[in-house]
Amino acid sequence: MANRVKCLIIGSGPAGYTAAIYASRANLQPVLIEGPQLGGQLTTTTEVENFPGYPDGVEPFQMMDDMKRQAERFGTQFVSGVVTKVDFSVSPKKVWVEDTKEYEADAVIIATGASAKYLGIESERTYKGRGVSACATCDGFFYRKKTVAVVGGGDTACEEANYLAGLCEKVYMIVRKPYLRASEIMQQRVLNNPKIEVLFEHNTLQLTGEGKVQGADLVYRKGEPDEAMKHIDIDGFFLAIGHHPNTELFKDYIACDAEGYIITDGASTQCFKCENAQMGKCENEKIPGVFAAGDCADPHYRQAIVAAGSGAKAAIEADKYIKSLQ
């Protein structure tokens, strides 16, 4: 038998926990499915210094625990597990956890976040949180007057390199192609910045260091006759090769853009219907009772404070929708 709830929240990052705080204070008695990574992507960083209310900074796990306890105080119920199936074509909406536990909800808030794309080398995992980062805005402050490397050649990589150049002594850009893919203006900003050195046609083989990132082994023109090895001394290694929104589970029901980010109704968090995602056939029709918050619907900012704000918006809209059913 399905568990009947008013509001179901999928995801336990800043968006999900904030949605839970607002929904529980509205007496929606929300159930939050925590997912595989408690605290979401934020927990991959070392310290959070730019979230209001923590003047001395805070460890990400502590911050997420604070949010969870606040939601719990107002009555949120937490369920450990991974959502494996949904059906948004019916009302109430149906959600399955681990294929065994079924929920029926008047409103669903999707807050599943996004995952940074990694190169896939073993040392990335070894130094994750100890010099490896996927967010210059989040972690760049820790590398003031130090030397860092940014991987990527698109607009995001150029933006991050320029941002880091304002903080760091030197910034390497590791670009596997012989050119930058970024827009012309972003290319010029990078190429004209004396603190940035672009290493074209280089690939990262491994990161090195005692307990933290201290260097990187690169290969120039891999597989070519003039292939050569290169080592650079660095204190931080920033990935800027994109993010992948965690939305595959919902694509048969809700509209997503070409990158997989959920499309919402302008300033609203309400989702649009997708009749057949595989055929790219999406309707300009909103789905009653389904909302999206946080990085799964945000390809631009990817900041905890922005995610938290959208979680509050989603809960307020869910409350309004549920009240309309009465």
Protein backbone atom coordinates (compact mmCIF):
# COMPACT_ATOMS: atom_id res chain seq x y z
CA MET A 1 0.00 0.00 0.00
CA ALA A 2 1.29 3.45 -0.91
CA ASN A 3 2.24 5.98 1.75
CA ARG A 4 0.03 9.05 1.29
CA VAL A 5 1.66 12.45 1.90
CA LYS A 6 0.92 16.07 1.08
CA CYS A 7 4.40 17.13 0.02
CA LEU A 8 7.32 14.94 -1.06
CA ILE A 9 10.81 16.42 -1.47
CA ILE A 10 13.51 14.58 -3.43
CA GLY A 11 17.04 15.62 -2.49
CA SER A 12 18.97 16.64 0.62
CA GLY A 13 21.06 19.62 -0.44
CA PRO A 14 20.44 23.29 0.42
CA ALA A 15 17.39 23.41 -1.89
CA GLY A 16 15.80 20.28 -0.47
CA TYR A 17 16.41 21.13 3.18
CA THR A 18 15.18 24.72 2.76
CA ALA A 19 12.07 23.48 0.98
CA ALA A 20 11.52 21.14 3.92
CA ILE A 21 11.84 23.96 6.45
CA TYR A 22 9.26 26.09 4.63
CA ALA A 23 6.92 23.19 3.85
CA SER A 24 6.94 21.88 7.41
CA ARG A 25 6.30 25.36 8.84
CA ALA A 26 3.30 25.54 6.48
CA ASN A 27 2.02 22.36 8.12
CA LEU A 28 2.45 20.29 4.95
CA GLN A 29 4.11 17.49 6.96
CA PRO A 30 6.69 16.91 4.21
CA VAL A 31 8.62 13.74 3.61
CA LEU A 32 12.17 14.23 2.30
CA ILE A 33 13.95 11.44 0.42
CA GLU A 34 17.61 11.98 1.23
CA GLY A 35 19.22 10.29 -1.77
CA PRO A 36 22.74 8.88 -2.15
CA GLN A 37 24.73 11.97 -1.02
CA LEU A 38 23.53 13.66 2.15
CA GLY A 39 24.05 17.38 1.83
CA GLY A 40 24.44 17.20 -1.92
CA GLN A 41 27.31 18.59 -3.98
CA LEU A 42 28.16 21.19 -1.33
CA THR A 43 29.75 18.49 0.83
CA THR A 44 32.55 18.00 -1.73
CA THR A 45 34.07 21.37 -0.77
CA THR A 46 36.28 22.00 2.25
CA GLU A 47 34.69 25.01 3.94
CA VAL A 48 31.77 27.32 3.25
CA GLU A 49 32.56 30.99 3.82
CA ASN A 50 29.98 32.74 1.65
CA PHE A 51 26.69 31.54 3.17
CA PRO A 52 25.01 34.22 5.32
CA GLY A 53 24.86 33.50 9.03
CA TYR A 54 28.29 31.88 9.34
CA PRO A 55 30.70 34.82 9.80
CA ASP A 56 33.63 32.51 10.61
CA GLY A 57 32.83 29.99 7.89
CA VAL A 58 31.44 26.51 8.41
CA GLU A 59 32.25 22.97 7.39
CA PRO A 60 29.73 21.84 4.75
CA PHE A 61 28.60 18.75 6.70
CA GLN A 62 27.93 20.94 9.76
CA MET A 63 25.93 23.41 7.67
CA MET A 64 23.84 20.66 6.10
CA ASP A 65 23.28 19.08 9.52
CA ASP A 66 22.10 22.47 10.84
CA MET A 67 19.59 22.71 7.97
CA LYS A 68 18.39 19.18 8.51
CA ARG A 69 17.88 19.69 12.25
CA GLN A 70 15.94 22.88 11.57
CA ALA A 71 13.62 21.05 9.17
CA GLU A 72 13.30 18.17 11.63
CA ARG A 73 12.34 20.59 14.39
CA PHE A 74 9.28 21.65 12.40
CA GLY A 75 8.19 18.10 11.62
CA THR A 76 9.88 16.98 8.40
CA GLN A 77 10.13 13.22 8.08
CA PHE A 78 13.37 11.94 6.53
CA VAL A 79 13.64 8.74 4.51
CA SER A 80 16.98 7.18 3.59
CA GLY A 81 17.11 5.75 0.11
CA VAL A 82 17.19 6.53 -3.59
CA VAL A 83 14.17 7.33 -5.75
CA THR A 84 14.13 4.74 -8.54
CA LYS A 85 10.84 5.46 -10.33
CA VAL A 86 8.20 8.19 -10.61
CA ASP A 87 4.85 8.65 -12.29
CA PHE A 88 3.87 12.29 -12.73
CA SER A 89 1.08 11.53 -15.20
CA VAL A 90 -1.38 10.87 -12.38
CA SER A 91 -2.70 12.77 -9.38
CA PRO A 92 -1.62 12.29 -6.70
CA LYS A 93 1.93 11.88 -8.04
CA LYS A 94 3.62 8.53 -7.46
CA VAL A 95 7.22 8.06 -6.31
CA TRP A 96 9.03 4.81 -5.55
CA VAL A 97 12.05 4.51 -3.24
CA GLU A 98 14.39 1.56 -3.92
CA ASP A 99 11.60 0.06 -6.07
CA THR A 100 9.88 -1.18 -2.92
CA LYS A 101 8.41 1.74 -0.97
CA GLU A 102 5.70 3.69 -2.80
CA TYR A 103 4.55 7.22 -2.01
CA GLU A 104 1.57 9.20 -3.29
CA ALA A 105 1.96 12.96 -2.97
CA ASP A 106 -0.19 15.97 -3.80
CA ALA A 107 2.99 17.95 -4.56
CA VAL A 108 6.54 16.90 -5.39
CA ILE A 109 9.60 19.14 -5.14
CA ILE A 110 12.57 17.92 -7.18
CA ALA A 111 15.86 19.06 -5.62
CA THR A 112 18.25 16.42 -6.93
CA GLY A 113 21.08 18.82 -7.76
CA ALA A 114 23.82 18.43 -10.32
CA SER A 115 27.14 16.62 -10.40
CA ALA A 116 30.38 18.12 -11.65
CA LYS A 117 31.98 16.34 -14.58
CA TYR A 118 35.39 14.90 -13.73
CA LEU A 119 38.25 13.76 -15.91
CA GLY A 120 38.08 10.22 -14.56
CA ILE A 121 41.64 9.93 -13.26
CA GLU A 122 42.22 8.11 -9.97
CA SER A 123 44.02 11.01 -8.27
CA GLU A 124 40.95 13.25 -8.63
CA ARG A 125 39.19 11.07 -6.06
CA THR A 126 42.30 10.89 -3.89
CA TYR A 127 42.57 14.67 -3.58
CA LYS A 128 38.87 15.53 -3.62
CA GLY A 129 38.41 18.23 -1.01
CA ARG A 130 42.19 18.50 -0.63
CA GLY A 131 43.02 20.64 -3.60
CA VAL A 132 40.53 19.37 -6.18
CA SER A 133 37.45 21.54 -6.66
CA ALA A 134 34.71 22.04 -9.23
CA CYS A 135 33.74 25.53 -8.07
CA ALA A 136 36.14 28.48 -8.22
CA THR A 137 33.55 30.80 -6.68
CA CYS A 138 33.18 28.43 -3.72
CA ASP A 139 36.83 27.57 -3.07
CA GLY A 140 39.00 30.12 -4.86
CA PHE A 141 39.38 32.24 -1.72
CA PHE A 142 41.46 29.48 -0.12
CA TYR A 143 44.11 29.82 -2.83
CA ARG A 144 44.92 33.52 -2.51
CA LYS A 145 48.46 34.30 -3.74
CA LYS A 146 48.95 30.65 -4.69
CA THR A 147 49.24 28.81 -8.01
CA VAL A 148 46.29 26.86 -9.40
CA ALA A 149 45.24 25.10 -12.60
CA VAL A 150 41.88 25.19 -14.38
CA VAL A 151 40.89 22.35 -16.72
CA GLY A 152 38.69 23.26 -19.69
CA GLY A 153 38.53 25.53 -22.69
CA GLY A 154 34.96 26.84 -22.75
CA ASP A 155 33.30 29.94 -21.35
CA THR A 156 33.02 28.44 -17.87
CA ALA A 157 36.72 27.59 -17.75
CA CYS A 158 37.66 31.09 -18.95
CA GLU A 159 35.35 32.70 -16.40
CA GLU A 160 36.83 30.61 -13.60
CA ALA A 161 40.40 31.30 -14.72
CA ASN A 162 39.75 35.04 -14.76
CA TYR A 163 38.07 34.88 -11.37
CA LEU A 164 40.98 32.94 -9.89
CA ALA A 165 43.50 35.30 -11.48
CA GLY A 166 42.03 38.02 -9.28
CA LEU A 167 42.98 35.99 -6.22
CA CYS A 168 45.93 33.82 -7.14
CA GLU A 169 49.56 34.42 -8.02
CA LYS A 170 49.34 32.34 -11.19
CA VAL A 171 46.70 30.36 -13.07
CA TYR A 172 47.38 27.60 -15.58
CA MET A 173 44.63 26.68 -18.05
CA ILE A 174 44.94 23.07 -19.20
CA VAL A 175 43.24 22.81 -22.61
CA ARG A 176 43.25 19.56 -24.55
CA LYS A 177 42.56 21.22 -27.89
CA PRO A 178 44.86 23.66 -29.76
CA TYR A 179 42.28 26.42 -29.27
CA LEU A 180 39.74 27.77 -26.78
CA ARG A 181 36.07 26.99 -27.34
CA ALA A 182 34.97 30.06 -25.42
CA SER A 183 33.38 33.16 -26.89
CA GLU A 184 35.76 35.68 -28.44
CA ILE A 185 35.48 38.15 -25.58
CA MET A 186 36.21 35.46 -22.97
CA GLN A 187 39.20 34.24 -25.00
CA GLN A 188 40.66 37.74 -25.11
CA ARG A 189 40.22 38.22 -21.38
CA VAL A 190 42.19 35.04 -20.73
CA LEU A 191 44.89 35.56 -23.34
CA ASN A 192 45.46 39.16 -22.26
CA ASN A 193 45.69 38.35 -18.55
CA PRO A 194 49.36 38.22 -17.50
CA LYS A 195 48.57 35.89 -14.61
CA ILE A 196 47.05 33.20 -16.86
CA GLU A 197 49.17 30.76 -18.87
CA VAL A 198 47.23 28.61 -21.34
CA LEU A 199 48.68 25.14 -21.94
CA PHE A 200 47.15 24.12 -25.26
CA GLU A 201 47.04 20.45 -26.34
CA HIS A 202 47.76 19.20 -22.82
CA ASN A 203 46.01 16.43 -20.90
CA THR A 204 46.28 15.72 -17.19
CA LEU A 205 47.74 12.31 -16.36
CA GLN A 206 47.76 12.53 -12.58
CA LEU A 207 47.89 14.86 -9.60
CA THR A 208 50.72 14.63 -7.10
CA GLY A 209 51.38 15.75 -3.55
CA GLU A 210 51.74 14.70 0.08
CA GLY A 211 48.23 14.69 1.53
CA LYS A 212 47.10 17.52 -0.74
CA VAL A 213 47.55 18.68 -4.32
CA GLN A 214 51.05 20.01 -4.92
CA GLY A 215 51.51 19.33 -8.62
CA ALA A 216 50.18 17.82 -11.83
CA ASP A 217 51.76 15.58 -14.46
CA LEU A 218 50.65 16.53 -17.96
CA VAL A 219 51.22 15.17 -21.44
CA TYR A 220 51.59 17.40 -24.48
CA ARG A 221 50.12 16.22 -27.80
CA LYS A 222 49.43 12.73 -26.54
CA GLY A 223 49.97 10.05 -29.19
CA GLU A 224 51.72 12.41 -31.60
CA PRO A 225 55.39 12.15 -32.70
CA ASP A 226 56.30 15.19 -30.61
CA GLU A 227 54.53 13.93 -27.46
CA ALA A 228 56.20 15.30 -24.33
CA MET A 229 55.72 15.15 -20.59
CA LYS A 230 55.35 18.24 -18.42
CA HIS A 231 55.06 18.76 -14.66
CA ILE A 232 53.59 21.89 -13.08
CA ASP A 233 53.68 22.87 -9.42
CA ILE A 234 50.21 23.87 -8.24
CA ASP A 235 48.27 24.23 -4.99
CA GLY A 236 44.78 23.75 -6.42
CA PHE A 237 43.16 21.95 -9.36
CA PHE A 238 39.83 23.29 -10.62
CA LEU A 239 37.59 21.36 -12.99
CA ALA A 240 35.57 23.48 -15.39
CA ILE A 241 34.38 20.95 -17.95
CA GLY A 242 30.72 21.20 -17.08
CA HIS A 243 28.06 19.81 -14.76
CA HIS A 244 25.53 17.08 -15.26
CA PRO A 245 22.09 17.66 -13.69
CA ASN A 246 20.69 14.65 -11.86
CA THR A 247 17.42 14.57 -13.79
CA GLU A 248 17.45 11.39 -15.90
CA LEU A 249 14.77 9.83 -13.73
CA PHE A 250 12.23 12.52 -14.62
CA LYS A 251 12.78 13.09 -18.34
CA ASP A 252 9.77 11.07 -19.45
CA TYR A 253 7.53 13.50 -17.60
CA ILE A 254 9.13 16.94 -17.35
CA ALA A 255 10.76 19.23 -19.90
CA CYS A 256 14.53 19.65 -19.75
CA ASP A 257 16.94 21.66 -21.88
CA ALA A 258 19.64 20.13 -24.09
CA GLU A 259 21.97 19.73 -21.09
CA GLY A 260 19.31 18.05 -18.96
CA TYR A 261 18.45 21.00 -16.69
CA ILE A 262 14.77 21.16 -15.74
CA ILE A 263 12.86 23.98 -17.45
CA THR A 264 10.63 25.89 -15.05
CA ASP A 265 8.03 28.57 -15.63
CA GLY A 266 10.13 31.73 -15.53
CA ALA A 267 10.33 33.09 -11.99
CA SER A 268 8.18 30.17 -10.83
CA THR A 269 9.58 26.77 -9.90
CA GLN A 270 6.73 24.85 -11.55
CA CYS A 271 7.79 22.28 -14.16
CA PHE A 272 6.57 21.86 -17.73
CA LYS A 273 5.19 18.64 -19.14
CA CYS A 274 7.28 16.52 -21.49
CA GLU A 275 5.23 14.04 -23.49
CA ASN A 276 8.12 12.12 -24.98
CA ALA A 277 11.63 13.10 -23.94
CA GLN A 278 13.29 10.61 -26.28
CA MET A 279 11.60 12.23 -29.29
CA GLY A 280 12.22 15.73 -27.93
CA LYS A 281 8.49 16.41 -27.92
CA CYS A 282 7.65 18.73 -25.04
CA GLU A 283 4.45 20.61 -24.41
CA ASN A 284 4.13 24.19 -23.27
CA GLU A 285 1.91 22.99 -20.44
CA LYS A 286 2.73 23.07 -16.76
CA ILE A 287 2.45 19.98 -14.56
CA PRO A 288 0.19 20.64 -11.58
CA GLY A 289 1.97 19.92 -8.32
CA VAL A 290 5.53 19.33 -9.60
CA PHE A 291 8.23 21.87 -8.78
CA ALA A 292 12.02 21.98 -9.20
CA ALA A 293 14.58 23.79 -7.06
CA GLY A 294 18.35 24.08 -6.82
CA ASP A 295 21.08 23.06 -9.23
CA CYS A 296 18.94 20.55 -11.14
CA ALA A 297 17.14 23.58 -12.61
CA ASP A 298 19.99 26.11 -12.51
CA PRO A 299 22.73 25.94 -15.17
CA HIS A 300 24.02 29.41 -14.30
CA TYR A 301 24.70 30.15 -10.63
CA ARG A 302 25.24 26.83 -8.83
CA GLN A 303 25.52 28.47 -5.42
CA ALA A 304 24.13 27.17 -2.13
CA ILE A 305 22.41 30.45 -1.29
CA VAL A 306 20.65 30.52 -4.68
CA ALA A 307 19.60 26.88 -4.28
CA ALA A 308 18.24 27.57 -0.81
CA GLY A 309 16.21 30.53 -2.11
CA SER A 310 14.68 28.43 -4.87
CA GLY A 311 13.84 25.74 -2.32
CA ALA A 312 11.87 28.31 -0.34
CA LYS A 313 10.05 29.40 -3.51
CA ALA A 314 9.19 25.80 -4.39
CA ALA A 315 7.74 25.13 -0.93
CA ILE A 316 5.65 28.30 -1.01
CA GLU A 317 4.28 27.36 -4.43
CA ALA A 318 3.64 23.78 -3.31
CA ASP A 319 1.71 25.07 -0.31
CA LYS A 320 -0.40 27.32 -2.54
CA TYR A 321 -1.11 24.43 -4.90
CA ILE A 322 -2.08 22.02 -2.10
CA LYS A 323 -4.42 24.59 -0.59
CA SER A 324 -6.09 24.99 -4.00
CA LEU A 325 -7.06 21.31 -3.86
CA GLN A 326 -9.05 21.73 -0.68
